[in-house]
Structures are given as structure tokens and as C-alpha cells.
Amino acid sequence: MKLRIIFIIAFVSLIGSIAYCQFPVLNDTLQISTRFFDDGTLEIIYRDINEDKLPKPLRESKDVPELINFQINSVEKLVQIANEIFTKEEIEQLIESKFILDCKILPSGKIISASCVFYEKNPHICLKKLTLFSQEIKERLSITPIFSEEIDEEGYVQWSIFAYSVFRNILKQEK
């Protein structure tokens, strides 16, 4: 009887490890999480898994200069990236879902994490496209944080843009 149990455990472990080996772990992808708030609001986050590897955040303290503003290199480039990846119908779904792009940025302006946050409903866009969008944002955009003084510490700051509002304005201009 003990031999049979050991055999079953070994067999299940072998099948499980073979099945797991068939799915490569992506170095750059998004993980989905969902939250419901007391007021009935739905929040769906496609979080950049690179957030686990980030340097410490810059916190405003006596040692860190005050964060004054951000300068994005090109809002048009953000729209261009979206137009290259998503169809017009998908962009309309992003607008309806109250899409917010949430980034973590180094003082140099390099984006090291780009997550997608949706409120009210899931746009039902495939994970592959959202991941590609996140990758392209990190490669092609830069957002420079502007501090009150020169910054010499390594760390990141958080920046968000109401992407659904930007996309809605662009669609209005196209009509």
C-alpha cells in the first residue's frame, strides 16, 4: 500500500513538472488583480511584474528634494504606440474602462515599470497586447521628474496619466 502511494505521488509530481516546463516564464509580463471597493467600484490592475525588482522609492524627506512636476517627452508618442498595438475598437474599450497608465520612473526619466489600471470594467483585451503596450512604453517613452534641486539618490517615483482621457481627445480630433 505504501509503495502504491509513493508511486502515485512520484507520478503526479513527474506529470506536474513536465506540464509546468511547457509554459515558459516571461521576463516582462503583467499580472492581473481585481479589487472591489465598498462603494461598488471595480478596479482591475495589470501590474508590471518588474515592480518586484525595482530600487527603493524616493521618499520626500529632509534628504530628498521636493518633487515639483513631470515632463513627458511626447503625449503624441503615447497615442502612436497605442494606435500601433490596439485596434480602434480596443481603444474605445480602453476609454470605456477608464484606463490609467501607472508608471515607476527613475530620476533620469527612464520608465522602469508600466502597469495598466482599469476602473468600472475590464476591457477584455488580450494580455499579450497589454504586455506589448507596457514594453513599448518602457522602451519608447521617457518621463522626467522635475525636482526642486539636483537629485543624486537612486530610486523611483510614481507617475500616472489618465490615458482614457488622452485617447478620447484624440478620437474626437479624428472625427
C-alpha atoms as a PDB file:
ATOM      1  CA  MET A   1       0.000   0.000   0.000  1.00  0.00           C
ATOM      2  CA  LYS A   2       2.830   2.392   0.888  1.00  0.00           C
ATOM      3  CA  LEU A   3       4.547   1.589  -2.381  1.00  0.00           C
ATOM      4  CA  ARG A   4       1.361   2.446  -4.305  1.00  0.00           C
ATOM      5  CA  ILE A   5       1.074   5.861  -2.549  1.00  0.00           C
ATOM      6  CA  ILE A   6       4.739   6.629  -3.235  1.00  0.00           C
ATOM      7  CA  PHE A   7       4.254   5.656  -6.889  1.00  0.00           C
ATOM      8  CA  ILE A   8       1.172   7.908  -7.213  1.00  0.00           C
ATOM      9  CA  ILE A   9       2.971  10.870  -5.614  1.00  0.00           C
ATOM     10  CA  ALA A  10       6.004  10.378  -7.876  1.00  0.00           C
ATOM     11  CA  PHE A  11       3.794  10.051 -10.967  1.00  0.00           C
ATOM     12  CA  VAL A  12       1.782  13.188 -10.174  1.00  0.00           C
ATOM     13  CA  SER A  13       4.998  15.122  -9.455  1.00  0.00           C
ATOM     14  CA  LEU A  14       6.510  13.993 -12.743  1.00  0.00           C
ATOM     15  CA  ILE A  15       3.411  14.914 -14.768  1.00  0.00           C
ATOM     16  CA  GLY A  16       3.175  18.265 -12.961  1.00  0.00           C
ATOM     17  CA  SER A  17       6.806  19.141 -13.624  1.00  0.00           C
ATOM     18  CA  ILE A  18       6.507  18.179 -17.300  1.00  0.00           C
ATOM     19  CA  ALA A  19       3.365  20.271 -17.698  1.00  0.00           C
ATOM     20  CA  TYR A  20       4.937  23.229 -15.914  1.00  0.00           C
ATOM     21  CA  CYS A  21       8.020  23.068 -18.143  1.00  0.00           C
ATOM     22  CA  GLN A  22       5.809  23.605 -21.179  1.00  0.00           C
ATOM     23  CA  PHE A  23       4.960  27.151 -20.066  1.00  0.00           C
ATOM     24  CA  PRO A  24       7.963  29.476 -20.175  1.00  0.00           C
ATOM     25  CA  VAL A  25       8.016  32.223 -17.586  1.00  0.00           C
ATOM     26  CA  LEU A  26       8.108  35.577 -19.314  1.00  0.00           C
ATOM     27  CA  ASN A  27      10.662  38.114 -18.138  1.00  0.00           C
ATOM     28  CA  ASP A  28       8.373  41.013 -18.935  1.00  0.00           C
ATOM     29  CA  THR A  29       4.673  40.470 -18.431  1.00  0.00           C
ATOM     30  CA  LEU A  30       1.703  41.710 -16.458  1.00  0.00           C
ATOM     31  CA  GLN A  31      -0.157  40.063 -13.576  1.00  0.00           C
ATOM     32  CA  ILE A  32      -3.852  40.725 -13.129  1.00  0.00           C
ATOM     33  CA  SER A  33      -5.513  41.532  -9.828  1.00  0.00           C
ATOM     34  CA  THR A  34      -9.041  42.714  -9.104  1.00  0.00           C
ATOM     35  CA  ARG A  35     -10.428  44.749  -6.209  1.00  0.00           C
ATOM     36  CA  PHE A  36     -13.938  45.795  -5.290  1.00  0.00           C
ATOM     37  CA  PHE A  37     -14.357  48.858  -3.121  1.00  0.00           C
ATOM     38  CA  ASP A  38     -17.133  49.463  -0.586  1.00  0.00           C
ATOM     39  CA  ASP A  39     -18.789  51.965  -2.927  1.00  0.00           C
ATOM     40  CA  GLY A  40     -19.147  49.263  -5.607  1.00  0.00           C
ATOM     41  CA  THR A  41     -16.221  50.491  -7.731  1.00  0.00           C
ATOM     42  CA  LEU A  42     -14.298  47.811  -9.597  1.00  0.00           C
ATOM     43  CA  GLU A  43     -10.527  48.163 -10.085  1.00  0.00           C
ATOM     44  CA  ILE A  44      -8.618  45.823 -12.392  1.00  0.00           C
ATOM     45  CA  ILE A  45      -4.838  46.120 -12.354  1.00  0.00           C
ATOM     46  CA  TYR A  46      -2.488  44.575 -14.873  1.00  0.00           C
ATOM     47  CA  ARG A  47       0.643  45.068 -12.776  1.00  0.00           C
ATOM     48  CA  ASP A  48       4.103  45.013 -14.318  1.00  0.00           C
ATOM     49  CA  ILE A  49       5.952  42.114 -12.678  1.00  0.00           C
ATOM     50  CA  ASN A  50       9.151  44.164 -12.827  1.00  0.00           C
ATOM     51  CA  GLU A  51       7.827  46.117  -9.825  1.00  0.00           C
ATOM     52  CA  ASP A  52       9.289  43.364  -7.633  1.00  0.00           C
ATOM     53  CA  LYS A  53      12.785  44.214  -8.909  1.00  0.00           C
ATOM     54  CA  LEU A  54      12.616  47.983  -8.509  1.00  0.00           C
ATOM     55  CA  PRO A  55      15.056  50.028  -6.474  1.00  0.00           C
ATOM     56  CA  LYS A  56      13.625  51.688  -3.389  1.00  0.00           C
ATOM     57  CA  PRO A  57      11.169  54.516  -3.933  1.00  0.00           C
ATOM     58  CA  LEU A  58      12.335  58.063  -3.431  1.00  0.00           C
ATOM     59  CA  ARG A  59      10.501  59.457  -0.450  1.00  0.00           C
ATOM     60  CA  GLU A  60      10.278  63.142   0.211  1.00  0.00           C
ATOM     61  CA  SER A  61      12.276  63.695   3.373  1.00  0.00           C
ATOM     62  CA  LYS A  62      14.995  66.038   4.549  1.00  0.00           C
ATOM     63  CA  ASP A  63      17.453  64.331   2.195  1.00  0.00           C
ATOM     64  CA  VAL A  64      15.294  64.187  -0.950  1.00  0.00           C
ATOM     65  CA  PRO A  65      14.427  67.391  -2.832  1.00  0.00           C
ATOM     66  CA  GLU A  66      10.772  68.172  -3.397  1.00  0.00           C
ATOM     67  CA  LEU A  67       9.149  66.664  -6.489  1.00  0.00           C
ATOM     68  CA  ILE A  68       7.658  69.594  -8.410  1.00  0.00           C
ATOM     69  CA  ASN A  69       6.351  68.179 -11.684  1.00  0.00           C
ATOM     70  CA  PHE A  70       6.844  65.675 -14.517  1.00  0.00           C
ATOM     71  CA  GLN A  71       7.730  66.251 -18.155  1.00  0.00           C
ATOM     72  CA  ILE A  72       6.655  63.596 -20.675  1.00  0.00           C
ATOM     73  CA  ASN A  73       8.701  63.551 -23.866  1.00  0.00           C
ATOM     74  CA  SER A  74       5.622  63.191 -26.080  1.00  0.00           C
ATOM     75  CA  VAL A  75       1.943  62.541 -25.420  1.00  0.00           C
ATOM     76  CA  GLU A  76       1.637  62.004 -29.168  1.00  0.00           C
ATOM     77  CA  LYS A  77       4.129  59.142 -28.902  1.00  0.00           C
ATOM     78  CA  LEU A  78       1.902  57.532 -26.263  1.00  0.00           C
ATOM     79  CA  VAL A  79      -1.023  57.731 -28.692  1.00  0.00           C
ATOM     80  CA  GLN A  80       1.153  56.445 -31.549  1.00  0.00           C
ATOM     81  CA  ILE A  81       2.175  53.396 -29.503  1.00  0.00           C
ATOM     82  CA  ALA A  82      -1.469  52.702 -28.664  1.00  0.00           C
ATOM     83  CA  ASN A  83      -2.502  53.033 -32.322  1.00  0.00           C
ATOM     84  CA  GLU A  84       0.234  50.591 -33.387  1.00  0.00           C
ATOM     85  CA  ILE A  85      -0.866  47.923 -30.893  1.00  0.00           C
ATOM     86  CA  PHE A  86      -4.618  48.303 -30.434  1.00  0.00           C
ATOM     87  CA  THR A  87      -7.457  48.455 -32.931  1.00  0.00           C
ATOM     88  CA  LYS A  88      -9.824  51.426 -32.869  1.00  0.00           C
ATOM     89  CA  GLU A  89     -12.452  49.248 -31.170  1.00  0.00           C
ATOM     90  CA  GLU A  90      -9.940  48.214 -28.483  1.00  0.00           C
ATOM     91  CA  ILE A  91      -9.014  51.847 -27.868  1.00  0.00           C
ATOM     92  CA  GLU A  92     -12.712  52.591 -27.398  1.00  0.00           C
ATOM     93  CA  GLN A  93     -12.841  49.740 -24.853  1.00  0.00           C
ATOM     94  CA  LEU A  94      -9.851  51.271 -23.034  1.00  0.00           C
ATOM     95  CA  ILE A  95     -11.691  54.600 -22.890  1.00  0.00           C
ATOM     96  CA  GLU A  96     -14.875  52.977 -21.550  1.00  0.00           C
ATOM     97  CA  SER A  97     -12.828  51.141 -18.909  1.00  0.00           C
ATOM     98  CA  LYS A  98     -11.309  54.369 -17.527  1.00  0.00           C
ATOM     99  CA  PHE A  99      -7.747  53.279 -18.419  1.00  0.00           C
ATOM    100  CA  ILE A 100      -4.965  54.768 -16.308  1.00  0.00           C
ATOM    101  CA  LEU A 101      -1.299  54.159 -17.128  1.00  0.00           C
ATOM    102  CA  ASP A 102       0.697  53.842 -13.905  1.00  0.00           C
ATOM    103  CA  CYS A 103       4.494  54.119 -14.231  1.00  0.00           C
ATOM    104  CA  LYS A 104       7.529  53.971 -11.991  1.00  0.00           C
ATOM    105  CA  ILE A 105      10.259  56.352 -13.175  1.00  0.00           C
ATOM    106  CA  LEU A 106      13.909  56.905 -12.311  1.00  0.00           C
ATOM    107  CA  PRO A 107      15.188  60.484 -11.846  1.00  0.00           C
ATOM    108  CA  SER A 108      16.859  60.125 -15.279  1.00  0.00           C
ATOM    109  CA  GLY A 109      13.411  59.828 -16.912  1.00  0.00           C
ATOM    110  CA  LYS A 110      13.694  56.116 -17.706  1.00  0.00           C
ATOM    111  CA  ILE A 111      10.431  54.236 -17.177  1.00  0.00           C
ATOM    112  CA  ILE A 112      11.176  51.008 -15.330  1.00  0.00           C
ATOM    113  CA  SER A 113       7.621  49.787 -14.794  1.00  0.00           C
ATOM    114  CA  ALA A 114       4.376  50.391 -16.682  1.00  0.00           C
ATOM    115  CA  SER A 115       1.125  48.968 -15.319  1.00  0.00           C
ATOM    116  CA  CYS A 116      -2.421  49.264 -16.671  1.00  0.00           C
ATOM    117  CA  VAL A 117      -5.257  50.130 -14.291  1.00  0.00           C
ATOM    118  CA  PHE A 118      -8.921  49.948 -15.280  1.00  0.00           C
ATOM    119  CA  TYR A 119     -11.955  51.182 -13.370  1.00  0.00           C
ATOM    120  CA  GLU A 120     -15.571  50.204 -13.885  1.00  0.00           C
ATOM    121  CA  LYS A 121     -14.984  47.296 -16.294  1.00  0.00           C
ATOM    122  CA  ASN A 122     -12.374  45.018 -17.805  1.00  0.00           C
ATOM    123  CA  PRO A 123     -11.692  45.974 -21.435  1.00  0.00           C
ATOM    124  CA  HIS A 124     -11.187  42.295 -22.388  1.00  0.00           C
ATOM    125  CA  ILE A 125      -8.058  42.985 -24.399  1.00  0.00           C
ATOM    126  CA  CYS A 126      -5.640  40.073 -24.609  1.00  0.00           C
ATOM    127  CA  LEU A 127      -2.790  40.045 -22.119  1.00  0.00           C
ATOM    128  CA  LYS A 128      -0.237  39.809 -24.927  1.00  0.00           C
ATOM    129  CA  LYS A 129      -1.295  43.218 -26.313  1.00  0.00           C
ATOM    130  CA  LEU A 130      -1.313  44.866 -22.888  1.00  0.00           C
ATOM    131  CA  THR A 131       2.138  43.406 -22.179  1.00  0.00           C
ATOM    132  CA  LEU A 132       3.440  44.667 -25.529  1.00  0.00           C
ATOM    133  CA  PHE A 133       1.986  48.100 -24.733  1.00  0.00           C
ATOM    134  CA  SER A 134       3.791  48.090 -21.363  1.00  0.00           C
ATOM    135  CA  GLN A 135       7.081  47.072 -23.025  1.00  0.00           C
ATOM    136  CA  GLU A 136       6.795  49.739 -25.721  1.00  0.00           C
ATOM    137  CA  ILE A 137       6.038  52.425 -23.132  1.00  0.00           C
ATOM    138  CA  LYS A 138       9.210  51.490 -21.241  1.00  0.00           C
ATOM    139  CA  GLU A 139      11.316  51.463 -24.402  1.00  0.00           C
ATOM    140  CA  ARG A 140       9.986  54.484 -26.302  1.00  0.00           C
ATOM    141  CA  LEU A 141       8.711  56.985 -23.749  1.00  0.00           C
ATOM    142  CA  SER A 142      10.550  58.971 -21.154  1.00  0.00           C
ATOM    143  CA  ILE A 143       9.031  60.961 -18.344  1.00  0.00           C
ATOM    144  CA  THR A 144      11.375  63.229 -16.457  1.00  0.00           C
ATOM    145  CA  PRO A 145      10.561  64.054 -12.865  1.00  0.00           C
ATOM    146  CA  ILE A 146      11.432  67.649 -12.015  1.00  0.00           C
ATOM    147  CA  PHE A 147      12.790  68.172  -8.518  1.00  0.00           C
ATOM    148  CA  SER A 148      13.420  71.393  -6.598  1.00  0.00           C
ATOM    149  CA  GLU A 149      17.140  70.558  -6.512  1.00  0.00           C
ATOM    150  CA  GLU A 150      19.610  68.184  -8.150  1.00  0.00           C
ATOM    151  CA  ILE A 151      18.913  64.587  -7.171  1.00  0.00           C
ATOM    152  CA  ASP A 152      21.745  62.180  -6.515  1.00  0.00           C
ATOM    153  CA  GLU A 153      19.902  59.235  -4.992  1.00  0.00           C
ATOM    154  CA  GLU A 154      18.842  56.118  -6.847  1.00  0.00           C
ATOM    155  CA  GLY A 155      15.184  55.276  -6.555  1.00  0.00           C
ATOM    156  CA  TYR A 156      11.913  55.758  -8.349  1.00  0.00           C
ATOM    157  CA  VAL A 157       8.887  58.000  -8.282  1.00  0.00           C
ATOM    158  CA  GLN A 158       5.365  57.129  -9.358  1.00  0.00           C
ATOM    159  CA  TRP A 159       3.580  58.840 -12.264  1.00  0.00           C
ATOM    160  CA  SER A 160       0.108  58.204 -13.652  1.00  0.00           C
ATOM    161  CA  ILE A 161      -1.778  59.541 -16.650  1.00  0.00           C
ATOM    162  CA  PHE A 162      -5.484  59.279 -17.396  1.00  0.00           C
ATOM    163  CA  ALA A 163      -4.820  57.547 -20.719  1.00  0.00           C
ATOM    164  CA  TYR A 164      -8.536  57.178 -21.419  1.00  0.00           C
ATOM    165  CA  SER A 165      -8.871  60.964 -21.462  1.00  0.00           C
ATOM    166  CA  VAL A 166      -5.910  61.359 -23.842  1.00  0.00           C
ATOM    167  CA  PHE A 167      -7.288  58.674 -26.184  1.00  0.00           C
ATOM    168  CA  ARG A 168     -10.809  60.169 -26.072  1.00  0.00           C
ATOM    169  CA  ASN A 169      -9.465  63.607 -27.078  1.00  0.00           C
ATOM    170  CA  ILE A 170      -7.514  62.095 -29.967  1.00  0.00           C
ATOM    171  CA  LEU A 171     -10.573  60.199 -31.222  1.00  0.00           C
ATOM    172  CA  LYS A 172     -12.613  63.426 -31.092  1.00  0.00           C
ATOM    173  CA  GLN A 173      -9.981  65.199 -33.200  1.00  0.00           C
ATOM    174  CA  GLU A 174     -10.043  62.410 -35.810  1.00  0.00           C
ATOM    175  CA  LYS A 175     -13.804  62.790 -36.369  1.00  0.00           C
END
